Amino acid sequence: MDTIKLNTIKIFTLFSGYDSQLMGIINAVKNSKKHFDVELVGWSDNDPDVQRIHNLTFPEYADRCYPDVTTIEWKQVPFFDVLFYSSPCQSASRSGRREGFEKDSGTKSSLVWAVEKAIACKRPKWLVLENVEGYLDPQNEKTLIKWARTIASYGYVSFFKVLNSADFGIPQNRSRIFMISMRIDNEKDFTFQWPNTKKLTVKPEGLLEDKVDDKYYLSVEMVNTYIDLLRNASDGYT
């Protein structure tokens, strides 16, 4: 039998965390009828603890970390097809201080603007942003439009949609905005389709175990320690 030659999808993830983006695309490829391989060209996260988790999850990519997104020399980064950039949400979240993500504002969420250098230099075929619904709030709307126009200036068309994980078979009510940007090289490439929804068949209680090992429980001493720490922290606020 002839060996089937694999086409490799090369990706780069920014603000990677433990890289659920990579997990998702690997899972999608496994369930695809087409023959593809996936390679993580590089990833970025500046939290040492998160880096350790990423290295435990994907040890084969431990040497491909670019910790600080603001100082990456993109000309030295290998080619990649897809750029994932789920930038920090704290400043745009409805649960936070709502400081916004305006360019040069210094907020955590404004780090999204550091992605422009990657787009300008590498011009990958696809860009994928996932973030909180707060991106669509009135105080952030103008900034989001500016970001979309910035991307468009490099030859991309973007598609926006709020998706809820509960609509795709996951027993969690978690709504997030997705912005998919496609590089337009010619008119025939101008196609994109959002995934079909999936009926929810699993309930949260169905994922819970009846018996849980004692090692997963906090001792009374540890609980009291955490309570004391929380009390001391609250006393520090005015």
Foldseek 3Di string as FASTA:
>chain_A
DDDDDAAEAEEEEELQQLNVVVVVVVVVQVPDPDGHHYDYQAYEAQDPVSLVSNCVNPVVCNVRYDHDLLPDPLVPGDAGAEYEYAFDAQCLDPPHPVVEQAAPPPDRRVCVVSCLVNCQNRVHFKYKYKYAPSCVDPVNVVVVVVVQVSNVVSAKHKDKDWDAVQQAQDQDGGIIIMIMIGHDPDDVVPDDDDDHTDHHDDHPVNPDDPDDDPVPDDDPVVVVVVVVVVVVVVVPDD
